[in-house]
Amino acid sequence: MVTPQRVDDQDIVALDDAALLSKVCPDLHDWPLRWRYDDSDIAPGTRIVAIFTPFLLDLLHRKPSKRTFNRHRDNLWLVGGEIIRRRQIYPDLERLPIDTLVGELIEADGGPLISPPLTESEQRAIDATCRKLHRFLSGSNPGRFQVPSATVGGH
């Protein structure tokens, strides 16, 4: 006979959030593999996803339109790829912890210029997502999610 295991409310919320995120962003776990130039990029890419995940969940809980959520999700995909690209091009950036690098590239006034260059309106959309992410990460946009600790996933 199998006895049911106790599941506390926090586990249920985490499972619900994981299912919700999986539904609207089924390839999120593949982003590090798709961003990589070589296998050394997978761990930093995984850390970037860990930083983006609470933000994506917060967006979902705010119930934006599907189009708005998808725009922010797609913009984060581009920003994550740009972070990995810059680590490849600029060796000094490769030595920085990912949390530090994300903090340097995601600023209150926007995000990194994406390469190859986007149209002006596409870059403005990236900047809008980055401003929202910056507010979330800095805590000035209160939400119920915490950014994962810098020790998870290394740099």
Protein backbone atom coordinates (compact mmCIF):
# COMPACT_ATOMS: atom_id res chain seq x y z
CA MET A 1 0.00 0.00 0.00
CA VAL A 2 1.32 3.44 -0.96
CA THR A 3 0.83 6.19 1.56
CA PRO A 4 0.38 9.71 0.25
CA GLN A 5 3.27 12.05 0.90
CA ARG A 6 2.62 15.34 2.61
CA VAL A 7 2.85 18.31 0.29
CA ASP A 8 2.86 21.74 1.86
CA ASP A 9 1.25 24.81 0.30
CA GLN A 10 4.60 26.14 -0.92
CA ASP A 11 5.21 22.96 -2.95
CA ILE A 12 1.75 23.22 -4.50
CA VAL A 13 2.34 26.84 -5.51
CA ALA A 14 5.72 25.93 -6.99
CA LEU A 15 4.17 23.06 -8.95
CA ASP A 16 1.35 25.31 -10.19
CA ASP A 17 3.84 27.98 -11.24
CA ALA A 18 6.03 25.43 -13.02
CA ALA A 19 3.02 24.07 -14.91
CA LEU A 20 1.83 27.57 -15.81
CA LEU A 21 5.27 28.63 -17.03
CA SER A 22 5.71 25.38 -18.95
CA LYS A 23 2.44 26.05 -20.73
CA VAL A 24 3.33 29.56 -21.91
CA CYS A 25 7.07 29.04 -22.32
CA PRO A 26 7.60 25.34 -23.06
CA ASP A 27 11.15 25.80 -24.37
CA LEU A 28 12.46 27.85 -21.44
CA HIS A 29 14.67 25.00 -20.22
CA ASP A 30 16.21 24.80 -23.72
CA TRP A 31 17.25 28.45 -23.86
CA PRO A 32 20.78 27.84 -22.48
CA LEU A 33 21.39 25.18 -25.12
CA ARG A 34 20.10 27.40 -27.89
CA TRP A 35 22.14 30.43 -26.76
CA ARG A 36 25.43 28.58 -26.39
CA TYR A 37 28.47 29.06 -28.55
CA ASP A 38 30.16 26.17 -26.78
CA ASP A 39 29.39 23.97 -23.78
CA SER A 40 30.96 26.43 -21.34
CA ASP A 41 27.99 28.73 -22.05
CA ILE A 42 25.39 26.29 -20.71
CA ALA A 43 25.93 26.99 -16.99
CA PRO A 44 25.80 30.80 -17.45
CA GLY A 45 22.75 30.39 -19.68
CA THR A 46 21.07 28.28 -17.02
CA ARG A 47 21.79 31.00 -14.46
CA ILE A 48 20.27 33.62 -16.77
CA VAL A 49 17.11 31.51 -17.05
CA ALA A 50 17.06 31.22 -13.23
CA ILE A 51 17.16 35.03 -13.02
CA PHE A 52 14.46 35.49 -15.67
CA THR A 53 12.07 32.81 -14.34
CA PRO A 54 10.71 34.68 -11.28
CA PHE A 55 10.18 37.74 -13.48
CA LEU A 56 8.27 35.68 -16.06
CA LEU A 57 6.13 34.19 -13.29
CA ASP A 58 5.46 37.62 -11.84
CA LEU A 59 4.34 38.80 -15.28
CA LEU A 60 2.01 35.81 -15.59
CA HIS A 61 0.46 36.47 -12.19
CA ARG A 62 -0.28 40.03 -13.29
CA LYS A 63 -2.38 38.50 -16.09
CA PRO A 64 -1.16 40.50 -19.09
CA SER A 65 -2.61 39.84 -22.51
CA LYS A 66 -1.09 36.88 -24.30
CA ARG A 67 0.51 39.25 -26.80
CA THR A 68 2.12 41.36 -24.04
CA PHE A 69 3.47 38.34 -22.22
CA ASN A 70 4.82 36.82 -25.45
CA ARG A 71 6.54 40.09 -26.35
CA HIS A 72 8.32 40.23 -22.97
CA ARG A 73 9.20 36.52 -23.16
CA ASP A 74 10.64 36.92 -26.66
CA ASN A 75 12.56 40.03 -25.63
CA LEU A 76 14.09 38.13 -22.69
CA TRP A 77 15.12 35.40 -25.10
CA LEU A 78 17.02 37.99 -27.18
CA VAL A 79 18.57 39.64 -24.11
CA GLY A 80 19.77 36.29 -22.74
CA GLY A 81 21.35 35.45 -26.09
CA GLU A 82 23.01 38.86 -26.19
CA ILE A 83 24.47 38.34 -22.72
CA ILE A 84 25.99 35.01 -23.80
CA ARG A 85 27.26 36.58 -27.06
CA ARG A 86 28.98 39.39 -25.16
CA ARG A 87 30.65 36.89 -22.82
CA GLN A 88 32.11 35.23 -25.90
CA ILE A 89 33.34 38.45 -27.49
CA TYR A 90 34.65 40.20 -24.38
CA PRO A 91 36.81 37.91 -22.21
CA ASP A 92 36.59 40.28 -19.23
CA LEU A 93 32.83 39.71 -19.11
CA GLU A 94 33.32 35.96 -19.02
CA ARG A 95 34.98 36.29 -15.62
CA LEU A 96 32.09 38.21 -14.08
CA PRO A 97 29.42 36.33 -12.14
CA ILE A 98 26.26 36.17 -14.24
CA ASP A 99 24.25 38.09 -11.63
CA THR A 100 26.75 40.96 -11.88
CA LEU A 101 26.75 40.89 -15.67
CA VAL A 102 22.96 40.90 -15.84
CA GLY A 103 22.95 43.81 -13.39
CA GLU A 104 25.38 45.74 -15.57
CA LEU A 105 23.51 45.12 -18.83
CA ILE A 106 19.94 45.49 -17.53
CA GLU A 107 19.62 49.08 -16.35
CA ALA A 108 16.87 51.42 -15.24
CA ASP A 109 16.83 53.04 -18.69
CA GLY A 110 16.89 49.85 -20.77
CA GLY A 111 18.99 46.95 -21.87
CA PRO A 112 21.86 46.10 -24.13
CA LEU A 113 21.83 46.93 -27.79
CA ILE A 114 21.06 43.65 -29.51
CA SER A 115 23.34 42.45 -32.28
CA PRO A 116 22.77 42.18 -35.15
CA PRO A 117 21.07 45.55 -34.83
CA LEU A 118 17.29 45.59 -34.51
CA THR A 119 14.95 48.21 -35.83
CA GLU A 120 14.51 51.21 -33.58
CA SER A 121 11.03 50.06 -32.51
CA GLU A 122 12.28 46.53 -31.76
CA GLN A 123 15.11 47.90 -29.62
CA ARG A 124 12.65 50.17 -27.80
CA ALA A 125 10.57 47.07 -27.00
CA ILE A 126 13.70 45.34 -25.65
CA ASP A 127 14.43 48.41 -23.53
CA ALA A 128 10.86 48.44 -22.16
CA THR A 129 11.19 44.80 -21.10
CA CYS A 130 14.60 45.49 -19.56
CA ARG A 131 13.27 48.48 -17.60
CA LYS A 132 10.48 46.28 -16.23
CA LEU A 133 12.99 43.52 -15.41
CA HIS A 134 15.29 46.04 -13.72
CA ARG A 135 12.45 47.29 -11.52
CA PHE A 136 11.59 43.71 -10.62
CA LEU A 137 15.17 42.74 -9.82
CA SER A 138 15.82 45.89 -7.82
CA GLY A 139 12.74 45.30 -5.73
CA SER A 140 11.04 48.58 -6.65
CA ASN A 141 8.33 46.55 -8.39
CA PRO A 142 7.08 44.43 -5.48
CA GLY A 143 6.14 40.91 -6.36
CA ARG A 144 5.88 37.67 -4.49
CA PHE A 145 8.97 36.12 -6.07
CA GLN A 146 12.58 36.35 -5.01
CA VAL A 147 15.48 36.38 -7.44
CA PRO A 148 17.42 33.13 -6.93
CA SER A 149 20.68 33.36 -5.02
CA ALA A 150 23.90 34.00 -6.90
CA THR A 151 25.30 30.70 -5.70
CA VAL A 152 22.88 28.67 -7.81
CA GLY A 153 24.40 27.70 -11.14
CA GLY A 154 27.70 29.53 -10.72
CA HIS A 155 28.68 32.10 -13.33
